[in-house]
Structure formats: C-alpha cells, structure tokens
Amino acid sequence: MAYDVVFTRRARDDLIDLYHYIAARSGPERAKGYVDRIADYCRGFAEFPERGTRRDDLMPGLRIVGFERRLTIAFHIDQKRVVFDRILYGGRDLDDSLEGR
C-alpha cells in the first residue's frame, strides 16, 4: 500500500529557506538540485514509511531520519499519509523547532 507524502507548511518553508541559503552561496542550480534530491528522498517514503528513529519523547509518533549527513528530517505517519514536519539543516535544534506543534 502506498502512502501519500505530505509536507507541512513549516517543512515547505524549511526547503525554501534552504534553497535561498544555498543559492546565495553556490548558485541557484546547485540549490535546486539539492532541494530536489531532498524532495525525491522524502517521496520515497510512500512505499516504506517506517524508517528512522522514533522520538516519542519530542512528539508522539515522531520519527527522525538524516539525509546526506547534513539534514535532520522529522516526520510522522498519519493513517495513510507520511507527513514531513520539519527539514532542518546543519544541526538546528529539533526540540526548539517542534515547539508550538
């Protein structure tokens, strides 16, 4: 059974911010390529969503997975959806980033 893959507004904003950060330093083509790889990786969770490390201590059902040693991706599984909550670059604090959820 394939799951739907959904990005929350905050996760989409994380990707946009990441794009701008990389584009300013390395150019828009490199930024687009990196953000596209992240999105493709996340879409791959449609078939096998139960990956990563469970972090129920931060939020019930929360899972964390890394991407290319630079990102922390936080998500949860909601019935038939994989919901990406945050996409954090370079060691940003996950606990602080999930406040207000």
PDB file of N, CA and C in Angstrom:
ATOM      1  N   MET A   1       0.845  -1.181   0.000  1.00  0.00           N
ATOM      2  CA  MET A   1       0.000   0.000   0.000  1.00  0.00           C
ATOM      3  C   MET A   1       0.887   1.240   0.000  1.00  0.00           C
ATOM      4  N   ALA A   2       0.685   2.098  -0.940  1.00  0.00           N
ATOM      5  CA  ALA A   2       1.442   3.348  -0.999  1.00  0.00           C
ATOM      6  C   ALA A   2       0.770   4.399  -0.122  1.00  0.00           C
ATOM      7  N   TYR A   3       1.602   5.138   0.586  1.00  0.00           N
ATOM      8  CA  TYR A   3       1.138   6.238   1.418  1.00  0.00           C
ATOM      9  C   TYR A   3       1.232   7.533   0.619  1.00  0.00           C
ATOM     10  N   ASP A   4       0.393   8.495   0.957  1.00  0.00           N
ATOM     11  CA  ASP A   4       0.545   9.835   0.409  1.00  0.00           C
ATOM     12  C   ASP A   4       1.673  10.517   1.168  1.00  0.00           C
ATOM     13  N   VAL A   5       2.446  11.327   0.492  1.00  0.00           N
ATOM     14  CA  VAL A   5       3.526  12.087   1.114  1.00  0.00           C
ATOM     15  C   VAL A   5       3.097  13.546   1.159  1.00  0.00           C
ATOM     16  N   VAL A   6       3.138  14.108   2.365  1.00  0.00           N
ATOM     17  CA  VAL A   6       2.669  15.475   2.590  1.00  0.00           C
ATOM     18  C   VAL A   6       3.764  16.258   3.307  1.00  0.00           C
ATOM     19  N   PHE A   7       3.969  17.499   2.884  1.00  0.00           N
ATOM     20  CA  PHE A   7       4.899  18.402   3.553  1.00  0.00           C
ATOM     21  C   PHE A   7       4.073  19.470   4.262  1.00  0.00           C
ATOM     22  N   THR A   8       4.293  19.643   5.568  1.00  0.00           N
ATOM     23  CA  THR A   8       3.610  20.715   6.279  1.00  0.00           C
ATOM     24  C   THR A   8       4.119  22.049   5.764  1.00  0.00           C
ATOM     25  N   ARG A   9       3.408  23.092   6.103  1.00  0.00           N
ATOM     26  CA  ARG A   9       3.842  24.437   5.711  1.00  0.00           C
ATOM     27  C   ARG A   9       5.252  24.723   6.238  1.00  0.00           C
ATOM     28  N   ARG A  10       5.520  24.321   7.473  1.00  0.00           N
ATOM     29  CA  ARG A  10       6.843  24.567   8.051  1.00  0.00           C
ATOM     30  C   ARG A  10       7.927  23.807   7.298  1.00  0.00           C
ATOM     31  N   ALA A  11       7.649  22.581   6.881  1.00  0.00           N
ATOM     32  CA  ALA A  11       8.629  21.803   6.113  1.00  0.00           C
ATOM     33  C   ALA A  11       8.856  22.440   4.748  1.00  0.00           C
ATOM     34  N   ARG A  12       7.796  22.909   4.112  1.00  0.00           N
ATOM     35  CA  ARG A  12       7.955  23.607   2.823  1.00  0.00           C
ATOM     36  C   ARG A  12       8.770  24.882   3.004  1.00  0.00           C
ATOM     37  N   ASP A  13       8.493  25.610   4.078  1.00  0.00           N
ATOM     38  CA  ASP A  13       9.281  26.817   4.364  1.00  0.00           C
ATOM     39  C   ASP A  13      10.748  26.473   4.612  1.00  0.00           C
ATOM     40  N   ASP A  14      10.983  25.348   5.290  1.00  0.00           N
ATOM     41  CA  ASP A  14      12.370  24.908   5.513  1.00  0.00           C
ATOM     42  C   ASP A  14      13.081  24.679   4.181  1.00  0.00           C
ATOM     43  N   LEU A  15      12.394  24.041   3.231  1.00  0.00           N
ATOM     44  CA  LEU A  15      13.002  23.787   1.925  1.00  0.00           C
ATOM     45  C   LEU A  15      13.259  25.088   1.165  1.00  0.00           C
ATOM     46  N   ILE A  16      12.320  26.014   1.238  1.00  0.00           N
ATOM     47  CA  ILE A  16      12.501  27.309   0.567  1.00  0.00           C
ATOM     48  C   ILE A  16      13.674  28.068   1.185  1.00  0.00           C
ATOM     49  N   ASP A  17      13.741  28.089   2.511  1.00  0.00           N
ATOM     50  CA  ASP A  17      14.854  28.766   3.189  1.00  0.00           C
ATOM     51  C   ASP A  17      16.191  28.132   2.819  1.00  0.00           C
ATOM     52  N   LEU A  18      16.206  26.821   2.766  1.00  0.00           N
ATOM     53  CA  LEU A  18      17.421  26.101   2.406  1.00  0.00           C
ATOM     54  C   LEU A  18      17.836  26.432   0.975  1.00  0.00           C
ATOM     55  N   TYR A  19      16.867  26.477   0.077  1.00  0.00           N
ATOM     56  CA  TYR A  19      17.152  26.849  -1.308  1.00  0.00           C
ATOM     57  C   TYR A  19      17.829  28.231  -1.356  1.00  0.00           C
ATOM     58  N   HIS A  20      17.241  29.203  -0.687  1.00  0.00           N
ATOM     59  CA  HIS A  20      17.792  30.568  -0.711  1.00  0.00           C
ATOM     60  C   HIS A  20      19.190  30.623  -0.098  1.00  0.00           C
ATOM     61  N   TYR A  21      19.386  29.899   0.974  1.00  0.00           N
ATOM     62  CA  TYR A  21      20.696  29.861   1.630  1.00  0.00           C
ATOM     63  C   TYR A  21      21.766  29.328   0.675  1.00  0.00           C
ATOM     64  N   ILE A  22      21.475  28.214   0.035  1.00  0.00           N
ATOM     65  CA  ILE A  22      22.451  27.601  -0.876  1.00  0.00           C
ATOM     66  C   ILE A  22      22.609  28.439  -2.145  1.00  0.00           C
ATOM     67  N   ALA A  23      21.516  28.952  -2.688  1.00  0.00           N
ATOM     68  CA  ALA A  23      21.570  29.755  -3.910  1.00  0.00           C
ATOM     69  C   ALA A  23      22.449  30.985  -3.717  1.00  0.00           C
ATOM     70  N   ALA A  24      22.370  31.603  -2.554  1.00  0.00           N
ATOM     71  CA  ALA A  24      23.174  32.799  -2.286  1.00  0.00           C
ATOM     72  C   ALA A  24      24.665  32.475  -2.213  1.00  0.00           C
ATOM     73  N   ARG A  25      25.002  31.250  -1.845  1.00  0.00           N
ATOM     74  CA  ARG A  25      26.404  30.879  -1.654  1.00  0.00           C
ATOM     75  C   ARG A  25      26.985  30.081  -2.821  1.00  0.00           C
ATOM     76  N   SER A  26      26.130  29.292  -3.474  1.00  0.00           N
ATOM     77  CA  SER A  26      26.640  28.372  -4.502  1.00  0.00           C
ATOM     78  C   SER A  26      25.884  28.431  -5.818  1.00  0.00           C
ATOM     79  N   GLY A  27      24.876  29.261  -5.901  1.00  0.00           N
ATOM     80  CA  GLY A  27      24.125  29.409  -7.137  1.00  0.00           C
ATOM     81  C   GLY A  27      22.808  28.667  -7.135  1.00  0.00           C
ATOM     82  N   PRO A  28      21.875  29.153  -7.947  1.00  0.00           N
ATOM     83  CA  PRO A  28      20.530  28.571  -7.966  1.00  0.00           C
ATOM     84  C   PRO A  28      20.468  27.144  -8.507  1.00  0.00           C
ATOM     85  N   GLU A  29      21.329  26.793  -9.439  1.00  0.00           N
ATOM     86  CA  GLU A  29      21.288  25.426  -9.973  1.00  0.00           C
ATOM     87  C   GLU A  29      21.660  24.402  -8.912  1.00  0.00           C
ATOM     88  N   ARG A  30      22.704  24.694  -8.159  1.00  0.00           N
ATOM     89  CA  ARG A  30      23.112  23.783  -7.089  1.00  0.00           C
ATOM     90  C   ARG A  30      22.031  23.710  -6.015  1.00  0.00           C
ATOM     91  N   ALA A  31      21.438  24.849  -5.680  1.00  0.00           N
ATOM     92  CA  ALA A  31      20.386  24.885  -4.666  1.00  0.00           C
ATOM     93  C   ALA A  31      19.187  24.056  -5.112  1.00  0.00           C
ATOM     94  N   LYS A  32      18.769  24.221  -6.363  1.00  0.00           N
ATOM     95  CA  LYS A  32      17.629  23.465  -6.869  1.00  0.00           C
ATOM     96  C   LYS A  32      17.924  21.971  -6.872  1.00  0.00           C
ATOM     97  N   GLY A  33      19.122  21.598  -7.292  1.00  0.00           N
ATOM     98  CA  GLY A  33      19.485  20.183  -7.303  1.00  0.00           C
ATOM     99  C   GLY A  33      19.425  19.560  -5.917  1.00  0.00           C
ATOM    100  N   TYR A  34      19.926  20.285  -4.916  1.00  0.00           N
ATOM    101  CA  TYR A  34      19.933  19.763  -3.550  1.00  0.00           C
ATOM    102  C   TYR A  34      18.509  19.634  -3.011  1.00  0.00           C
ATOM    103  N   VAL A  35      17.706  20.663  -3.190  1.00  0.00           N
ATOM    104  CA  VAL A  35      16.325  20.628  -2.700  1.00  0.00           C
ATOM    105  C   VAL A  35      15.531  19.547  -3.434  1.00  0.00           C
ATOM    106  N   ASP A  36      15.770  19.379  -4.723  1.00  0.00           N
ATOM    107  CA  ASP A  36      15.093  18.303  -5.473  1.00  0.00           C
ATOM    108  C   ASP A  36      15.474  16.925  -4.939  1.00  0.00           C
ATOM    109  N   ARG A  37      16.747  16.727  -4.586  1.00  0.00           N
ATOM    110  CA  ARG A  37      17.170  15.427  -4.016  1.00  0.00           C
ATOM    111  C   ARG A  37      16.470  15.167  -2.690  1.00  0.00           C
ATOM    112  N   ILE A  38      16.327  16.199  -1.879  1.00  0.00           N
ATOM    113  CA  ILE A  38      15.632  16.050  -0.597  1.00  0.00           C
ATOM    114  C   ILE A  38      14.177  15.650  -0.846  1.00  0.00           C
ATOM    115  N   ALA A  39      13.508  16.368  -1.729  1.00  0.00           N
ATOM    116  CA  ALA A  39      12.093  16.081  -2.027  1.00  0.00           C
ATOM    117  C   ALA A  39      11.931  14.669  -2.586  1.00  0.00           C
ATOM    118  N   ASP A  40      12.825  14.258  -3.477  1.00  0.00           N
ATOM    119  CA  ASP A  40      12.759  12.896  -4.028  1.00  0.00           C
ATOM    120  C   ASP A  40      12.948  11.852  -2.930  1.00  0.00           C
ATOM    121  N   TYR A  41      13.898  12.107  -2.034  1.00  0.00           N
ATOM    122  CA  TYR A  41      14.131  11.198  -0.914  1.00  0.00           C
ATOM    123  C   TYR A  41      12.865  11.061  -0.072  1.00  0.00           C
ATOM    124  N   CYS A  42      12.238  12.185   0.231  1.00  0.00           N
ATOM    125  CA  CYS A  42      11.019  12.160   1.038  1.00  0.00           C
ATOM    126  C   CYS A  42       9.883  11.444   0.311  1.00  0.00           C
ATOM    127  N   ARG A  43       9.749  11.671  -0.974  1.00  0.00           N
ATOM    128  CA  ARG A  43       8.690  10.982  -1.733  1.00  0.00           C
ATOM    129  C   ARG A  43       8.888   9.469  -1.715  1.00  0.00           C
ATOM    130  N   GLY A  44      10.126   9.018  -1.549  1.00  0.00           N
ATOM    131  CA  GLY A  44      10.410   7.596  -1.462  1.00  0.00           C
ATOM    132  C   GLY A  44       9.809   6.933  -0.236  1.00  0.00           C
ATOM    133  N   PHE A  45       9.368   7.710   0.734  1.00  0.00           N
ATOM    134  CA  PHE A  45       8.750   7.166   1.941  1.00  0.00           C
ATOM    135  C   PHE A  45       7.330   6.675   1.677  1.00  0.00           C
ATOM    136  N   ALA A  46       6.799   6.936   0.494  1.00  0.00           N
ATOM    137  CA  ALA A  46       5.448   6.478   0.153  1.00  0.00           C
ATOM    138  C   ALA A  46       5.341   4.962   0.224  1.00  0.00           C
ATOM    139  N   GLU A  47       6.405   4.255  -0.117  1.00  0.00           N
ATOM    140  CA  GLU A  47       6.380   2.795  -0.119  1.00  0.00           C
ATOM    141  C   GLU A  47       6.822   2.184   1.211  1.00  0.00           C
ATOM    142  N   PHE A  48       7.797   2.776   1.855  1.00  0.00           N
ATOM    143  CA  PHE A  48       8.329   2.237   3.114  1.00  0.00           C
ATOM    144  C   PHE A  48       8.478   3.367   4.123  1.00  0.00           C
ATOM    145  N   PRO A  49       7.383   3.759   4.777  1.00  0.00           N
ATOM    146  CA  PRO A  49       7.434   4.940   5.637  1.00  0.00           C
ATOM    147  C   PRO A  49       8.056   4.733   7.020  1.00  0.00           C
ATOM    148  N   GLU A  50       8.072   3.516   7.505  1.00  0.00           N
ATOM    149  CA  GLU A  50       8.516   3.312   8.890  1.00  0.00           C
ATOM    150  C   GLU A  50      10.027   3.203   8.980  1.00  0.00           C
ATOM    151  N   ARG A  51      10.685   4.282   8.668  1.00  0.00           N
ATOM    152  CA  ARG A  51      12.143   4.374   8.740  1.00  0.00           C
ATOM    153  C   ARG A  51      12.522   5.309   9.862  1.00  0.00           C
ATOM    154  N   GLY A  52      13.799   5.401  10.098  1.00  0.00           N
ATOM    155  CA  GLY A  52      14.301   6.376  11.050  1.00  0.00           C
ATOM    156  C   GLY A  52      14.170   5.935  12.493  1.00  0.00           C
ATOM    157  N   THR A  53      14.458   6.869  13.351  1.00  0.00           N
ATOM    158  CA  THR A  53      14.436   6.644  14.796  1.00  0.00           C
ATOM    159  C   THR A  53      13.191   7.277  15.380  1.00  0.00           C
ATOM    160  N   ARG A  54      12.462   6.519  16.172  1.00  0.00           N
ATOM    161  CA  ARG A  54      11.283   7.068  16.848  1.00  0.00           C
ATOM    162  C   ARG A  54      11.719   8.042  17.923  1.00  0.00           C
ATOM    163  N   ARG A  55      11.022   9.164  18.005  1.00  0.00           N
ATOM    164  CA  ARG A  55      11.307  10.184  19.015  1.00  0.00           C
ATOM    165  C   ARG A  55      10.018  10.600  19.715  1.00  0.00           C
ATOM    166  N   ASP A  56       9.377   9.610  20.339  1.00  0.00           N
ATOM    167  CA  ASP A  56       8.143   9.881  21.064  1.00  0.00           C
ATOM    168  C   ASP A  56       8.357  10.859  22.212  1.00  0.00           C
ATOM    169  N   ASP A  57       9.604  11.007  22.660  1.00  0.00           N
ATOM    170  CA  ASP A  57       9.897  11.950  23.736  1.00  0.00           C
ATOM    171  C   ASP A  57       9.682  13.400  23.294  1.00  0.00           C
ATOM    172  N   LEU A  58       9.771  13.659  21.994  1.00  0.00           N
ATOM    173  CA  LEU A  58       9.556  15.009  21.468  1.00  0.00           C
ATOM    174  C   LEU A  58       8.109  15.222  21.017  1.00  0.00           C
ATOM    175  N   MET A  59       7.531  14.164  20.449  1.00  0.00           N
ATOM    176  CA  MET A  59       6.158  14.224  19.960  1.00  0.00           C
ATOM    177  C   MET A  59       5.705  12.792  19.700  1.00  0.00           C
ATOM    178  N   PRO A  60       4.533  12.396  20.170  1.00  0.00           N
ATOM    179  CA  PRO A  60       4.079  11.035  19.923  1.00  0.00           C
ATOM    180  C   PRO A  60       4.062  10.701  18.428  1.00  0.00           C
ATOM    181  N   GLY A  61       4.696   9.596  18.060  1.00  0.00           N
ATOM    182  CA  GLY A  61       4.730   9.145  16.679  1.00  0.00           C
ATOM    183  C   GLY A  61       5.803   9.786  15.808  1.00  0.00           C
ATOM    184  N   LEU A  62       6.562  10.706  16.366  1.00  0.00           N
ATOM    185  CA  LEU A  62       7.592  11.395  15.582  1.00  0.00           C
ATOM    186  C   LEU A  62       8.730  10.447  15.234  1.00  0.00           C
ATOM    187  N   ARG A  63       9.203  10.564  14.011  1.00  0.00           N
ATOM    188  CA  ARG A  63      10.369   9.816  13.540  1.00  0.00           C
ATOM    189  C   ARG A  63      11.378  10.805  12.984  1.00  0.00           C
ATOM    190  N   ILE A  64      12.655  10.438  13.123  1.00  0.00           N
ATOM    191  CA  ILE A  64      13.750  11.284  12.655  1.00  0.00           C
ATOM    192  C   ILE A  64      14.633  10.456  11.736  1.00  0.00           C
ATOM    193  N   VAL A  65      15.037  11.069  10.626  1.00  0.00           N
ATOM    194  CA  VAL A  65      15.958  10.421   9.714  1.00  0.00           C
ATOM    195  C   VAL A  65      16.925  11.486   9.202  1.00  0.00           C
ATOM    196  N   GLY A  66      18.146  11.085   8.940  1.00  0.00           N
ATOM    197  CA  GLY A  66      19.133  12.004   8.386  1.00  0.00           C
ATOM    198  C   GLY A  66      19.167  11.919   6.869  1.00  0.00           C
ATOM    199  N   PHE A  67      19.730  12.955   6.265  1.00  0.00           N
ATOM    200  CA  PHE A  67      19.892  12.992   4.818  1.00  0.00           C
ATOM    201  C   PHE A  67      21.255  13.593   4.494  1.00  0.00           C
ATOM    202  N   GLU A  68      22.075  12.823   3.809  1.00  0.00           N
ATOM    203  CA  GLU A  68      23.398  13.251   3.351  1.00  0.00           C
ATOM    204  C   GLU A  68      24.222  13.933   4.451  1.00  0.00           C
ATOM    205  N   ARG A  69      24.129  13.438   5.647  1.00  0.00           N
ATOM    206  CA  ARG A  69      24.919  13.877   6.805  1.00  0.00           C
ATOM    207  C   ARG A  69      24.755  15.345   7.167  1.00  0.00           C
ATOM    208  N   ARG A  70      23.847  16.066   6.528  1.00  0.00           N
ATOM    209  CA  ARG A  70      23.698  17.491   6.789  1.00  0.00           C
ATOM    210  C   ARG A  70      22.303  17.888   7.249  1.00  0.00           C
ATOM    211  N   LEU A  71      21.324  17.023   7.022  1.00  0.00           N
ATOM    212  CA  LEU A  71      19.941  17.366   7.345  1.00  0.00           C
ATOM    213  C   LEU A  71      19.358  16.405   8.369  1.00  0.00           C
ATOM    214  N   THR A  72      18.437  16.944   9.155  1.00  0.00           N
ATOM    215  CA  THR A  72      17.582  16.130  10.003  1.00  0.00           C
ATOM    216  C   THR A  72      16.167  16.331   9.503  1.00  0.00           C
ATOM    217  N   ILE A  73      15.512  15.232   9.196  1.00  0.00           N
ATOM    218  CA  ILE A  73      14.150  15.283   8.688  1.00  0.00           C
ATOM    219  C   ILE A  73      13.238  14.660   9.735  1.00  0.00           C
ATOM    220  N   ALA A  74      12.234  15.431  10.161  1.00  0.00           N
ATOM    221  CA  ALA A  74      11.274  14.982  11.173  1.00  0.00           C
ATOM    222  C   ALA A  74       9.932  14.732  10.488  1.00  0.00           C
ATOM    223  N   PHE A  75       9.338  13.572  10.766  1.00  0.00           N
ATOM    224  CA  PHE A  75       8.064  13.222  10.137  1.00  0.00           C
ATOM    225  C   PHE A  75       7.263  12.310  11.044  1.00  0.00           C
ATOM    226  N   HIS A  76       6.009  12.154  10.695  1.00  0.00           N
ATOM    227  CA  HIS A  76       5.161  11.184  11.388  1.00  0.00           C
ATOM    228  C   HIS A  76       4.242  10.530  10.357  1.00  0.00           C
ATOM    229  N   ILE A  77       3.705   9.399  10.740  1.00  0.00           N
ATOM    230  CA  ILE A  77       2.801   8.650   9.871  1.00  0.00           C
ATOM    231  C   ILE A  77       1.393   8.842  10.416  1.00  0.00           C
ATOM    232  N   ASP A  78       0.504   9.290   9.551  1.00  0.00           N
ATOM    233  CA  ASP A  78      -0.856   9.628   9.941  1.00  0.00           C
ATOM    234  C   ASP A  78      -1.818   8.859   9.040  1.00  0.00           C
ATOM    235  N   GLN A  79      -2.299   7.733   9.503  1.00  0.00           N
ATOM    236  CA  GLN A  79      -3.170   6.836   8.739  1.00  0.00           C
ATOM    237  C   GLN A  79      -2.503   6.426   7.435  1.00  0.00           C
ATOM    238  N   LYS A  80      -2.887   6.990   6.310  1.00  0.00           N
ATOM    239  CA  LYS A  80      -2.303   6.608   5.022  1.00  0.00           C
ATOM    240  C   LYS A  80      -1.407   7.703   4.458  1.00  0.00           C
ATOM    241  N   ARG A  81      -0.878   8.532   5.358  1.00  0.00           N
ATOM    242  CA  ARG A  81      -0.014   9.633   4.919  1.00  0.00           C
ATOM    243  C   ARG A  81       1.297   9.617   5.701  1.00  0.00           C
ATOM    244  N   VAL A  82       2.346  10.019   5.019  1.00  0.00           N
ATOM    245  CA  VAL A  82       3.613  10.322   5.679  1.00  0.00           C
ATOM    246  C   VAL A  82       3.701  11.841   5.666  1.00  0.00           C
ATOM    247  N   VAL A  83       3.714  12.427   6.857  1.00  0.00           N
ATOM    248  CA  VAL A  83       3.680  13.886   6.985  1.00  0.00           C
ATOM    249  C   VAL A  83       5.060  14.366   7.422  1.00  0.00           C
ATOM    250  N   PHE A  84       5.707  15.143   6.574  1.00  0.00           N
ATOM    251  CA  PHE A  84       7.016  15.704   6.903  1.00  0.00           C
ATOM    252  C   PHE A  84       6.793  17.015   7.632  1.00  0.00           C
ATOM    253  N   ASP A  85       7.249  17.035   8.899  1.00  0.00           N
ATOM    254  CA  ASP A  85       7.007  18.176   9.780  1.00  0.00           C
ATOM    255  C   ASP A  85       8.082  19.260   9.663  1.00  0.00           C
ATOM    256  N   ARG A  86       9.338  18.851   9.642  1.00  0.00           N
ATOM    257  CA  ARG A  86      10.444  19.811   9.559  1.00  0.00           C
ATOM    258  C   ARG A  86      11.586  19.193   8.779  1.00  0.00           C
ATOM    259  N   ILE A  87      12.360  20.051   8.118  1.00  0.00           N
ATOM    260  CA  ILE A  87      13.568  19.661   7.401  1.00  0.00           C
ATOM    261  C   ILE A  87      14.630  20.650   7.841  1.00  0.00           C
ATOM    262  N   LEU A  88      15.518  20.192   8.724  1.00  0.00           N
ATOM    263  CA  LEU A  88      16.447  21.087   9.414  1.00  0.00           C
ATOM    264  C   LEU A  88      17.874  20.873   8.942  1.00  0.00           C
ATOM    265  N   TYR A  89      18.524  21.957   8.619  1.00  0.00           N
ATOM    266  CA  TYR A  89      19.877  21.911   8.070  1.00  0.00           C
ATOM    267  C   TYR A  89      20.913  22.212   9.144  1.00  0.00           C
ATOM    268  N   GLY A  90      22.014  21.502   9.082  1.00  0.00           N
ATOM    269  CA  GLY A  90      23.211  21.839   9.834  1.00  0.00           C
ATOM    270  C   GLY A  90      23.096  21.908  11.338  1.00  0.00           C
ATOM    271  N   GLY A  91      22.457  20.939  11.944  1.00  0.00           N
ATOM    272  CA  GLY A  91      22.464  20.850  13.399  1.00  0.00           C
ATOM    273  C   GLY A  91      21.482  21.754  14.114  1.00  0.00           C
ATOM    274  N   ARG A  92      20.498  22.300  13.418  1.00  0.00           N
ATOM    275  CA  ARG A  92      19.489  23.109  14.117  1.00  0.00           C
ATOM    276  C   ARG A  92      18.799  22.236  15.158  1.00  0.00           C
ATOM    277  N   ASP A  93      18.409  22.838  16.246  1.00  0.00           N
ATOM    278  CA  ASP A  93      17.834  22.117  17.370  1.00  0.00           C
ATOM    279  C   ASP A  93      16.420  21.643  17.051  1.00  0.00           C
ATOM    280  N   LEU A  94      16.238  20.344  17.020  1.00  0.00           N
ATOM    281  CA  LEU A  94      14.947  19.758  16.678  1.00  0.00           C
ATOM    282  C   LEU A  94      13.907  20.063  17.738  1.00  0.00           C
ATOM    283  N   ASP A  95      14.269  19.986  18.999  1.00  0.00           N
ATOM    284  CA  ASP A  95      13.322  20.219  20.079  1.00  0.00           C
ATOM    285  C   ASP A  95      12.727  21.626  19.973  1.00  0.00           C
ATOM    286  N   ASP A  96      13.583  22.631  19.776  1.00  0.00           N
ATOM    287  CA  ASP A  96      13.103  24.002  19.632  1.00  0.00           C
ATOM    288  C   ASP A  96      12.280  24.173  18.363  1.00  0.00           C
ATOM    289  N   SER A  97      12.629  23.477  17.309  1.00  0.00           N
ATOM    290  CA  SER A  97      11.948  23.609  16.024  1.00  0.00           C
ATOM    291  C   SER A  97      10.550  23.014  16.027  1.00  0.00           C
ATOM    292  N   LEU A  98      10.268  22.122  16.973  1.00  0.00           N
ATOM    293  CA  LEU A  98       8.950  21.496  17.034  1.00  0.00           C
ATOM    294  C   LEU A  98       8.020  22.189  18.007  1.00  0.00           C
ATOM    295  N   GLU A  99       8.497  23.188  18.733  1.00  0.00           N
ATOM    296  CA  GLU A  99       7.648  23.892  19.678  1.00  0.00           C
ATOM    297  C   GLU A  99       6.465  24.497  18.952  1.00  0.00           C
ATOM    298  N   GLY A 100       5.338  24.491  19.596  1.00  0.00           N
ATOM    299  CA  GLY A 100       4.133  25.055  19.011  1.00  0.00           C
ATOM    300  C   GLY A 100       3.380  24.085  18.116  1.00  0.00           C
ATOM    301  N   ARG A 101       3.841  22.855  18.053  1.00  0.00           N
ATOM    302  CA  ARG A 101       3.141  21.835  17.252  1.00  0.00           C
ATOM    303  C   ARG A 101       1.895  21.407  17.929  1.00  0.00           C
TER     304      ARG A 101
END
